[in-house]
Every structure is written in C-alpha cells, then in structure tokens.
C-alpha cells in the first residue's frame, strides 16, 4: 500500500510540475499531508527525478504510440500517468511490466476522465508489444542461421 501511495504522489507531482507548479518534492508531499517511509520516499524521489531526466524519451514513446492523437491535445493527467508508468517499465527492473500497467490504469480510473483508463492501458500495451516485437524480430535471425554443413552444401551446388 505504501508503494501505491508513493506512486500516486509521484504521478501527482509530475502532473503539477508539468503545469509549472511547486518544484520542491518535500514541500509537495507536505502539502498532501503524506508521510512516506524512507524506502517509499526514495521510490517517490527516484520516480520524479527519473521522469524529469528522461522526459524527451518518455514523451517520444507516448507520442509514437498514441495513434490518431496529437501529444499536445492529450489530457495532462493522462500524460503524467503515462510518464510514471513508462519510467517504471523502462528503468525499474524490480517492478514487473504488468504491475506498472495495472497501477497506471488504477490511477487513470481515479484521476482521469471516463475513458482515461482504457487510453492509458492501450498506450502502455502498445509500448510493451512493440518492445516485445523488436526482441522477437532479432531471435529468428539468430536461430535461423544455417548450420556449417548447409553452407558447405550450398557452396558445392554453386561450383
């Protein structure tokens, strides 16, 4: 539950930061009247710093995967949720992709409009599928290499 609260606070901070709000994480948490353990505060801090440091990459992934939508027309809260989830998916090996997606969908149900949860789920699903497809495209190249005797037999045919 504490990790969930830290993730929620991180998303809200990212949202407020994107709108030009308070940039001091401790003051922000204090304004929420939220007390986090040292471990959960570290998670919160790593998340917000990670989003800021990787913002262009995260936004590019969002933009590439929201077919039919212009990035600047997306709901700001949806973008904040996606940024946090993508940071987790890309940079947090300790959090399974499915957990990040599920938590993002839950945040969208609380903070987004009626369709936000489906939109967030779709974008994150697209990102995970694309990454998976990229990995799968590499594997057949390696596994389909001909054996040495096949190469030699082919050379014999061409002589």
N, C-alpha and C. Protein backbone atom coordinates (compact mmCIF):
# COMPACT_ATOMS: atom_id res chain seq x y z
N UNK A 1 0.82 -1.21 0.00
CA UNK A 1 0.00 0.00 0.00
C UNK A 1 0.86 1.26 0.00
N UNK A 2 1.98 1.21 0.71
CA UNK A 2 2.84 2.39 0.78
C UNK A 2 3.45 2.71 -0.58
N UNK A 3 3.83 1.67 -1.35
CA UNK A 3 4.37 1.89 -2.70
C UNK A 3 3.32 2.53 -3.58
N UNK A 4 2.08 2.08 -3.43
CA UNK A 4 0.97 2.65 -4.20
C UNK A 4 0.81 4.14 -3.89
N UNK A 5 0.92 4.49 -2.61
CA UNK A 5 0.81 5.90 -2.21
C UNK A 5 1.98 6.71 -2.76
N UNK A 6 3.16 6.13 -2.76
CA UNK A 6 4.34 6.82 -3.30
C UNK A 6 4.19 7.03 -4.81
N UNK A 7 3.68 6.03 -5.51
CA UNK A 7 3.46 6.14 -6.96
C UNK A 7 2.39 7.20 -7.25
N UNK A 8 1.32 7.19 -6.48
CA UNK A 8 0.26 8.17 -6.62
C UNK A 8 0.82 9.58 -6.42
N UNK A 9 1.61 9.76 -5.38
CA UNK A 9 2.21 11.07 -5.10
C UNK A 9 3.16 11.47 -6.22
N UNK A 10 3.93 10.52 -6.73
CA UNK A 10 4.87 10.82 -7.82
C UNK A 10 4.11 11.28 -9.06
N UNK A 11 3.01 10.60 -9.39
CA UNK A 11 2.22 11.00 -10.55
C UNK A 11 1.65 12.40 -10.34
N UNK A 12 1.14 12.67 -9.16
CA UNK A 12 0.57 13.98 -8.88
C UNK A 12 1.64 15.07 -8.93
N UNK A 13 2.84 14.74 -8.45
CA UNK A 13 3.94 15.69 -8.52
C UNK A 13 4.31 15.96 -9.98
N UNK A 14 4.43 14.90 -10.78
CA UNK A 14 4.78 15.06 -12.20
C UNK A 14 3.72 15.91 -12.90
N UNK A 15 2.47 15.68 -12.58
CA UNK A 15 1.38 16.47 -13.15
C UNK A 15 1.53 17.95 -12.76
N UNK A 16 1.71 18.20 -11.48
CA UNK A 16 1.85 19.58 -11.01
C UNK A 16 3.10 20.24 -11.59
N UNK A 17 4.20 19.50 -11.64
CA UNK A 17 5.45 20.02 -12.19
C UNK A 17 5.27 20.42 -13.65
N UNK A 18 4.57 19.57 -14.42
CA UNK A 18 4.34 19.85 -15.84
C UNK A 18 3.51 21.11 -16.04
N UNK A 19 2.66 21.41 -15.07
CA UNK A 19 1.83 22.62 -15.16
C UNK A 19 2.56 23.84 -14.61
N UNK A 20 3.81 23.65 -14.17
CA UNK A 20 4.59 24.77 -13.66
C UNK A 20 4.42 25.00 -12.17
N UNK A 21 3.98 23.97 -11.47
CA UNK A 21 3.74 24.10 -10.03
C UNK A 21 4.99 23.92 -9.19
N UNK A 22 4.79 23.74 -7.90
CA UNK A 22 5.85 23.62 -6.91
C UNK A 22 6.88 22.57 -7.32
N UNK A 23 8.14 22.97 -7.35
CA UNK A 23 9.21 22.06 -7.77
C UNK A 23 9.91 21.40 -6.59
N UNK A 24 9.52 21.71 -5.37
CA UNK A 24 10.17 21.13 -4.19
C UNK A 24 9.40 19.89 -3.75
N UNK A 25 10.00 18.68 -3.95
CA UNK A 25 9.28 17.44 -3.63
C UNK A 25 8.84 17.35 -2.17
N UNK A 26 9.68 17.79 -1.24
CA UNK A 26 9.31 17.69 0.18
C UNK A 26 8.14 18.60 0.51
N UNK A 27 8.14 19.81 -0.03
CA UNK A 27 7.03 20.72 0.21
C UNK A 27 5.75 20.17 -0.43
N UNK A 28 5.91 19.56 -1.59
CA UNK A 28 4.76 18.96 -2.26
C UNK A 28 4.15 17.86 -1.40
N UNK A 29 4.99 16.95 -0.91
CA UNK A 29 4.50 15.86 -0.06
C UNK A 29 3.85 16.40 1.20
N UNK A 30 4.44 17.44 1.75
CA UNK A 30 3.89 18.07 2.95
C UNK A 30 2.50 18.64 2.67
N UNK A 31 2.34 19.21 1.48
CA UNK A 31 1.03 19.77 1.12
C UNK A 31 -0.03 18.67 0.99
N UNK A 32 0.40 17.45 0.70
CA UNK A 32 -0.54 16.32 0.61
C UNK A 32 -0.80 15.71 1.97
N UNK A 33 -0.05 16.16 2.96
CA UNK A 33 -0.11 15.58 4.30
C UNK A 33 0.14 14.07 4.23
N UNK A 34 1.17 13.73 3.46
CA UNK A 34 1.51 12.33 3.23
C UNK A 34 2.87 12.04 3.85
N UNK A 35 2.90 11.07 4.71
CA UNK A 35 4.15 10.64 5.34
C UNK A 35 4.57 9.32 4.70
N UNK A 36 5.73 9.33 4.07
CA UNK A 36 6.25 8.12 3.44
C UNK A 36 7.44 7.60 4.23
N UNK A 37 7.59 6.29 4.24
CA UNK A 37 8.78 5.70 4.85
C UNK A 37 9.99 6.13 4.03
N UNK A 38 11.16 5.93 4.57
CA UNK A 38 12.38 6.30 3.84
C UNK A 38 12.45 5.57 2.50
N UNK A 39 12.11 4.29 2.51
CA UNK A 39 12.12 3.48 1.29
C UNK A 39 11.13 4.01 0.25
N UNK A 40 9.93 4.36 0.70
CA UNK A 40 8.91 4.86 -0.22
C UNK A 40 9.21 6.28 -0.68
N UNK A 41 9.82 7.08 0.20
CA UNK A 41 10.23 8.42 -0.22
C UNK A 41 11.29 8.31 -1.31
N UNK A 42 12.22 7.36 -1.15
CA UNK A 42 13.25 7.14 -2.16
C UNK A 42 12.62 6.74 -3.49
N UNK A 43 11.61 5.87 -3.45
CA UNK A 43 10.89 5.48 -4.66
C UNK A 43 10.25 6.71 -5.31
N UNK A 44 9.57 7.53 -4.50
CA UNK A 44 8.94 8.76 -4.98
C UNK A 44 9.99 9.65 -5.65
N UNK A 45 11.09 9.88 -4.95
CA UNK A 45 12.14 10.77 -5.44
C UNK A 45 12.78 10.24 -6.72
N UNK A 46 13.11 8.95 -6.75
CA UNK A 46 13.69 8.35 -7.95
C UNK A 46 12.74 8.45 -9.13
N UNK A 47 11.46 8.30 -8.86
CA UNK A 47 10.47 8.37 -9.93
C UNK A 47 10.38 9.78 -10.51
N UNK A 48 10.23 10.78 -9.66
CA UNK A 48 10.07 12.14 -10.19
C UNK A 48 11.36 12.63 -10.86
N UNK A 49 12.50 12.31 -10.29
CA UNK A 49 13.77 12.70 -10.91
C UNK A 49 13.95 11.94 -12.22
N UNK A 50 13.59 10.66 -12.23
CA UNK A 50 13.69 9.87 -13.45
C UNK A 50 12.81 10.41 -14.56
N UNK A 51 11.59 10.80 -14.24
CA UNK A 51 10.70 11.37 -15.25
C UNK A 51 11.29 12.65 -15.81
N UNK A 52 11.78 13.51 -14.96
CA UNK A 52 12.38 14.77 -15.42
C UNK A 52 13.60 14.50 -16.31
N UNK A 53 14.46 13.59 -15.88
CA UNK A 53 15.68 13.29 -16.63
C UNK A 53 15.43 12.59 -17.96
N UNK A 54 14.35 11.83 -18.05
CA UNK A 54 14.07 11.06 -19.26
C UNK A 54 12.85 11.60 -20.01
N UNK A 55 12.45 12.82 -19.71
CA UNK A 55 11.23 13.39 -20.28
C UNK A 55 11.16 13.31 -21.80
N UNK A 56 12.20 13.71 -22.54
CA UNK A 56 12.08 13.64 -24.01
C UNK A 56 11.84 12.21 -24.51
N UNK A 57 12.54 11.24 -23.93
CA UNK A 57 12.37 9.84 -24.33
C UNK A 57 10.96 9.34 -24.00
N UNK A 58 10.48 9.65 -22.81
CA UNK A 58 9.15 9.21 -22.39
C UNK A 58 8.07 9.83 -23.27
N UNK A 59 8.19 11.13 -23.52
CA UNK A 59 7.19 11.81 -24.34
C UNK A 59 7.22 11.31 -25.78
N UNK A 60 8.39 10.98 -26.29
CA UNK A 60 8.50 10.43 -27.64
C UNK A 60 7.77 9.09 -27.72
N UNK A 61 7.95 8.24 -26.71
CA UNK A 61 7.25 6.95 -26.69
C UNK A 61 5.74 7.15 -26.63
N UNK A 62 5.30 8.10 -25.83
CA UNK A 62 3.86 8.38 -25.75
C UNK A 62 3.35 8.83 -27.11
N UNK A 63 4.06 9.78 -27.70
CA UNK A 63 3.64 10.33 -28.99
C UNK A 63 3.62 9.26 -30.09
N UNK A 64 4.62 8.40 -30.11
CA UNK A 64 4.70 7.34 -31.13
C UNK A 64 3.59 6.30 -30.98
N UNK A 65 3.06 6.17 -29.79
CA UNK A 65 2.09 5.11 -29.53
C UNK A 65 0.66 5.59 -29.37
N UNK A 66 0.41 6.87 -29.50
CA UNK A 66 -0.97 7.36 -29.41
C UNK A 66 -1.46 7.73 -30.81
N UNK A 67 -1.68 6.70 -31.59
CA UNK A 67 -2.11 6.86 -32.98
C UNK A 67 -3.44 7.59 -33.03
N UNK A 68 -3.48 8.61 -33.87
CA UNK A 68 -4.71 9.36 -34.04
C UNK A 68 -4.89 10.51 -33.05
N UNK A 69 -3.91 10.69 -32.18
CA UNK A 69 -3.98 11.77 -31.19
C UNK A 69 -2.72 12.62 -31.29
N UNK A 70 -2.88 13.91 -31.12
CA UNK A 70 -1.72 14.80 -31.04
C UNK A 70 -1.31 14.90 -29.58
N UNK A 71 -0.01 14.83 -29.34
CA UNK A 71 0.50 14.83 -27.98
C UNK A 71 0.00 16.03 -27.18
N UNK A 72 0.03 17.21 -27.79
CA UNK A 72 -0.37 18.41 -27.05
C UNK A 72 -1.88 18.48 -26.77
N UNK A 73 -2.64 17.57 -27.35
CA UNK A 73 -4.09 17.52 -27.09
C UNK A 73 -4.47 16.49 -26.03
N UNK A 74 -3.48 15.71 -25.57
CA UNK A 74 -3.76 14.69 -24.56
C UNK A 74 -4.03 15.34 -23.21
N UNK A 75 -4.86 14.71 -22.42
CA UNK A 75 -5.14 15.20 -21.07
C UNK A 75 -3.84 15.17 -20.26
N UNK A 76 -3.54 16.25 -19.59
CA UNK A 76 -2.28 16.36 -18.84
C UNK A 76 -2.15 15.30 -17.76
N UNK A 77 -3.25 14.93 -17.15
CA UNK A 77 -3.18 13.90 -16.11
C UNK A 77 -2.86 12.54 -16.74
N UNK A 78 -3.40 12.27 -17.92
CA UNK A 78 -3.06 11.02 -18.61
C UNK A 78 -1.58 10.98 -18.96
N UNK A 79 -1.05 12.10 -19.41
CA UNK A 79 0.38 12.17 -19.74
C UNK A 79 1.23 11.93 -18.50
N UNK A 80 0.84 12.52 -17.38
CA UNK A 80 1.59 12.30 -16.13
C UNK A 80 1.57 10.83 -15.73
N UNK A 81 0.42 10.20 -15.84
CA UNK A 81 0.30 8.77 -15.52
C UNK A 81 1.18 7.94 -16.45
N UNK A 82 1.13 8.24 -17.74
CA UNK A 82 1.94 7.51 -18.72
C UNK A 82 3.43 7.70 -18.48
N UNK A 83 3.83 8.92 -18.15
CA UNK A 83 5.26 9.17 -17.89
C UNK A 83 5.76 8.32 -16.73
N UNK A 84 5.01 8.28 -15.66
CA UNK A 84 5.42 7.49 -14.48
C UNK A 84 5.46 6.01 -14.83
N UNK A 85 4.43 5.52 -15.50
CA UNK A 85 4.38 4.09 -15.85
C UNK A 85 5.50 3.71 -16.81
N UNK A 86 5.74 4.54 -17.81
CA UNK A 86 6.81 4.23 -18.76
C UNK A 86 8.18 4.27 -18.10
N UNK A 87 8.37 5.19 -17.19
CA UNK A 87 9.64 5.21 -16.46
C UNK A 87 9.83 3.88 -15.73
N UNK A 88 8.79 3.41 -15.08
CA UNK A 88 8.87 2.12 -14.38
C UNK A 88 9.15 0.98 -15.35
N UNK A 89 8.44 0.95 -16.45
CA UNK A 89 8.59 -0.13 -17.42
C UNK A 89 10.01 -0.15 -18.00
N UNK A 90 10.53 1.02 -18.29
CA UNK A 90 11.84 1.10 -18.94
C UNK A 90 13.02 1.00 -17.97
N UNK A 91 12.86 1.52 -16.77
CA UNK A 91 14.03 1.68 -15.90
C UNK A 91 13.94 0.99 -14.55
N UNK A 92 12.82 0.37 -14.22
CA UNK A 92 12.70 -0.29 -12.92
C UNK A 92 12.58 -1.79 -13.12
N UNK A 93 13.69 -2.47 -13.04
CA UNK A 93 13.69 -3.93 -13.20
C UNK A 93 12.97 -4.62 -12.04
N UNK A 94 12.85 -3.94 -10.91
CA UNK A 94 12.21 -4.54 -9.74
C UNK A 94 10.68 -4.51 -9.81
N UNK A 95 10.13 -3.88 -10.85
CA UNK A 95 8.67 -3.79 -10.99
C UNK A 95 8.27 -4.46 -12.30
N UNK A 96 7.50 -5.54 -12.24
CA UNK A 96 7.05 -6.19 -13.49
C UNK A 96 6.21 -5.23 -14.33
N UNK A 97 6.32 -5.38 -15.66
CA UNK A 97 5.56 -4.52 -16.57
C UNK A 97 4.07 -4.54 -16.26
N UNK A 98 3.55 -5.72 -15.98
CA UNK A 98 2.12 -5.85 -15.70
C UNK A 98 1.68 -5.07 -14.49
N UNK A 99 2.54 -5.00 -13.49
CA UNK A 99 2.22 -4.22 -12.28
C UNK A 99 2.19 -2.74 -12.63
N UNK A 100 3.18 -2.28 -13.40
CA UNK A 100 3.22 -0.86 -13.79
C UNK A 100 1.98 -0.49 -14.59
N UNK A 101 1.59 -1.36 -15.51
CA UNK A 101 0.41 -1.08 -16.33
C UNK A 101 -0.85 -1.08 -15.47
N UNK A 102 -1.01 -2.07 -14.62
CA UNK A 102 -2.19 -2.14 -13.76
C UNK A 102 -2.28 -0.92 -12.84
N UNK A 103 -1.17 -0.54 -12.24
CA UNK A 103 -1.17 0.63 -11.35
C UNK A 103 -1.51 1.91 -12.12
N UNK A 104 -1.02 2.02 -13.35
CA UNK A 104 -1.33 3.19 -14.17
C UNK A 104 -2.82 3.23 -14.51
N UNK A 105 -3.38 2.08 -14.84
CA UNK A 105 -4.82 2.00 -15.13
C UNK A 105 -5.63 2.41 -13.90
N UNK A 106 -5.22 1.95 -12.74
CA UNK A 106 -5.92 2.32 -11.50
C UNK A 106 -5.83 3.82 -11.24
N UNK A 107 -4.65 4.42 -11.49
CA UNK A 107 -4.51 5.87 -11.33
C UNK A 107 -5.43 6.60 -12.31
N UNK A 108 -5.51 6.09 -13.54
CA UNK A 108 -6.36 6.72 -14.55
C UNK A 108 -7.84 6.64 -14.16
N UNK A 109 -8.23 5.57 -13.51
CA UNK A 109 -9.62 5.45 -13.05
C UNK A 109 -9.94 6.48 -11.98
N UNK A 110 -8.95 6.81 -11.15
CA UNK A 110 -9.15 7.77 -10.07
C UNK A 110 -9.06 9.21 -10.58
N UNK A 111 -8.04 9.51 -11.38
CA UNK A 111 -7.75 10.90 -11.74
C UNK A 111 -8.17 11.30 -13.15
N UNK A 112 -8.38 10.35 -14.04
CA UNK A 112 -8.70 10.68 -15.42
C UNK A 112 -10.19 10.80 -15.65
N UNK A 113 -10.54 11.02 -16.92
CA UNK A 113 -11.96 11.05 -17.25
C UNK A 113 -12.45 9.62 -17.47
N UNK A 114 -13.67 9.47 -17.93
CA UNK A 114 -14.27 8.14 -18.05
C UNK A 114 -13.54 7.16 -18.95
N UNK A 115 -12.80 7.67 -19.93
CA UNK A 115 -12.10 6.79 -20.87
C UNK A 115 -10.60 6.73 -20.65
N UNK A 116 -10.10 7.45 -19.68
CA UNK A 116 -8.65 7.52 -19.47
C UNK A 116 -8.02 6.16 -19.22
N UNK A 117 -8.69 5.35 -18.42
CA UNK A 117 -8.09 4.06 -18.08
C UNK A 117 -7.86 3.20 -19.32
N UNK A 118 -8.80 3.22 -20.27
CA UNK A 118 -8.65 2.43 -21.50
C UNK A 118 -7.56 3.03 -22.37
N UNK A 119 -7.50 4.35 -22.44
CA UNK A 119 -6.47 5.02 -23.23
C UNK A 119 -5.08 4.70 -22.68
N UNK A 120 -4.91 4.83 -21.37
CA UNK A 120 -3.63 4.55 -20.71
C UNK A 120 -3.25 3.09 -20.93
N UNK A 121 -4.19 2.19 -20.75
CA UNK A 121 -3.93 0.77 -20.96
C UNK A 121 -3.49 0.50 -22.40
N UNK A 122 -4.15 1.14 -23.35
CA UNK A 122 -3.82 0.95 -24.76
C UNK A 122 -2.43 1.44 -25.11
N UNK A 123 -2.08 2.62 -24.64
CA UNK A 123 -0.75 3.18 -24.92
C UNK A 123 0.33 2.29 -24.32
N UNK A 124 0.18 1.94 -23.07
CA UNK A 124 1.20 1.11 -22.41
C UNK A 124 1.26 -0.28 -23.05
N UNK A 125 0.12 -0.83 -23.41
CA UNK A 125 0.11 -2.11 -24.11
C UNK A 125 0.85 -2.04 -25.43
N UNK A 126 0.63 -0.95 -26.18
CA UNK A 126 1.35 -0.76 -27.45
C UNK A 126 2.85 -0.71 -27.24
N UNK A 127 3.29 0.02 -26.23
CA UNK A 127 4.73 0.14 -25.96
C UNK A 127 5.31 -1.23 -25.65
N UNK A 128 4.66 -1.98 -24.77
CA UNK A 128 5.17 -3.30 -24.37
C UNK A 128 5.16 -4.25 -25.57
N UNK A 129 4.11 -4.22 -26.39
CA UNK A 129 4.06 -5.09 -27.57
C UNK A 129 5.16 -4.73 -28.57
N UNK A 130 5.36 -3.43 -28.80
CA UNK A 130 6.40 -3.01 -29.73
C UNK A 130 7.78 -3.45 -29.26
N UNK A 131 8.05 -3.29 -27.97
CA UNK A 131 9.33 -3.73 -27.43
C UNK A 131 9.46 -5.24 -27.59
N UNK A 132 8.39 -5.96 -27.32
CA UNK A 132 8.41 -7.41 -27.47
C UNK A 132 8.62 -7.82 -28.91
N UNK A 133 7.95 -7.13 -29.83
CA UNK A 133 8.11 -7.43 -31.25
C UNK A 133 9.53 -7.16 -31.70
N UNK A 134 10.13 -6.10 -31.21
CA UNK A 134 11.52 -5.79 -31.58
C UNK A 134 12.44 -6.92 -31.14
N UNK A 135 12.21 -7.43 -29.95
CA UNK A 135 13.03 -8.54 -29.46
C UNK A 135 12.77 -9.80 -30.26
N UNK A 136 11.53 -10.07 -30.60
CA UNK A 136 11.20 -11.29 -31.36
C UNK A 136 11.75 -11.23 -32.78
N UNK A 137 11.86 -10.06 -33.34
CA UNK A 137 12.42 -9.95 -34.70
C UNK A 137 13.89 -10.33 -34.70
N UNK A 138 14.59 -10.11 -33.60
CA UNK A 138 16.02 -10.43 -33.53
C UNK A 138 16.22 -11.93 -33.38
N UNK A 139 15.40 -12.59 -32.57
CA UNK A 139 15.60 -14.01 -32.29
C UNK A 139 15.59 -14.90 -33.53
N UNK A 140 14.63 -14.79 -34.46
CA UNK A 140 14.66 -15.68 -35.61
C UNK A 140 15.92 -15.55 -36.46
N UNK A 141 16.48 -14.35 -36.51
CA UNK A 141 17.70 -14.17 -37.28
C UNK A 141 18.80 -15.06 -36.71
N UNK A 142 18.90 -15.12 -35.41
CA UNK A 142 19.93 -15.93 -34.76
C UNK A 142 19.59 -17.41 -34.87
N UNK A 143 18.36 -17.79 -34.60
CA UNK A 143 18.01 -19.22 -34.58
C UNK A 143 17.90 -19.80 -35.98
N UNK A 144 17.71 -18.98 -36.99
CA UNK A 144 17.56 -19.49 -38.35
C UNK A 144 18.87 -19.50 -39.13
N UNK A 145 19.99 -19.25 -38.48
CA UNK A 145 21.26 -19.30 -39.19
C UNK A 145 21.50 -20.72 -39.68
N UNK A 146 21.97 -20.85 -40.91
CA UNK A 146 22.23 -22.20 -41.40
C UNK A 146 23.39 -22.85 -40.65
N UNK A 147 23.34 -24.17 -40.56
CA UNK A 147 24.44 -24.90 -39.95
C UNK A 147 25.61 -24.91 -40.92
N UNK A 148 26.83 -25.08 -40.43
CA UNK A 148 28.01 -25.07 -41.32
C UNK A 148 27.88 -26.04 -42.49
N UNK A 149 27.35 -27.25 -42.26
CA UNK A 149 27.24 -28.23 -43.35
C UNK A 149 26.25 -27.76 -44.42
N UNK A 150 25.25 -26.97 -44.03
CA UNK A 150 24.31 -26.43 -45.03
C UNK A 150 25.01 -25.39 -45.90
N UNK A 151 25.86 -24.58 -45.28
CA UNK A 151 26.61 -23.57 -46.04
C UNK A 151 27.53 -24.26 -47.03
N UNK A 152 28.23 -25.30 -46.55
CA UNK A 152 29.17 -26.02 -47.42
C UNK A 152 28.42 -26.71 -48.56
N UNK A 153 27.26 -27.29 -48.29
CA UNK A 153 26.47 -27.96 -49.33
C UNK A 153 26.01 -26.95 -50.37
N UNK A 154 25.64 -25.76 -49.94
CA UNK A 154 25.22 -24.71 -50.87
C UNK A 154 26.39 -24.29 -51.74
N UNK A 155 27.59 -24.22 -51.17
CA UNK A 155 28.78 -23.87 -51.96
C UNK A 155 29.06 -24.93 -53.02
N UNK A 156 28.85 -26.22 -52.69
CA UNK A 156 29.07 -27.30 -53.64
C UNK A 156 28.13 -27.17 -54.83
N UNK A 157 26.91 -26.73 -54.60
CA UNK A 157 25.93 -26.57 -55.67
C UNK A 157 26.35 -25.47 -56.62
N UNK A 158 26.96 -24.40 -56.10
CA UNK A 158 27.33 -23.25 -56.92
C UNK A 158 28.64 -23.46 -57.67
N UNK A 159 29.37 -24.53 -57.43
CA UNK A 159 30.66 -24.73 -58.11
C UNK A 159 30.49 -25.29 -59.48
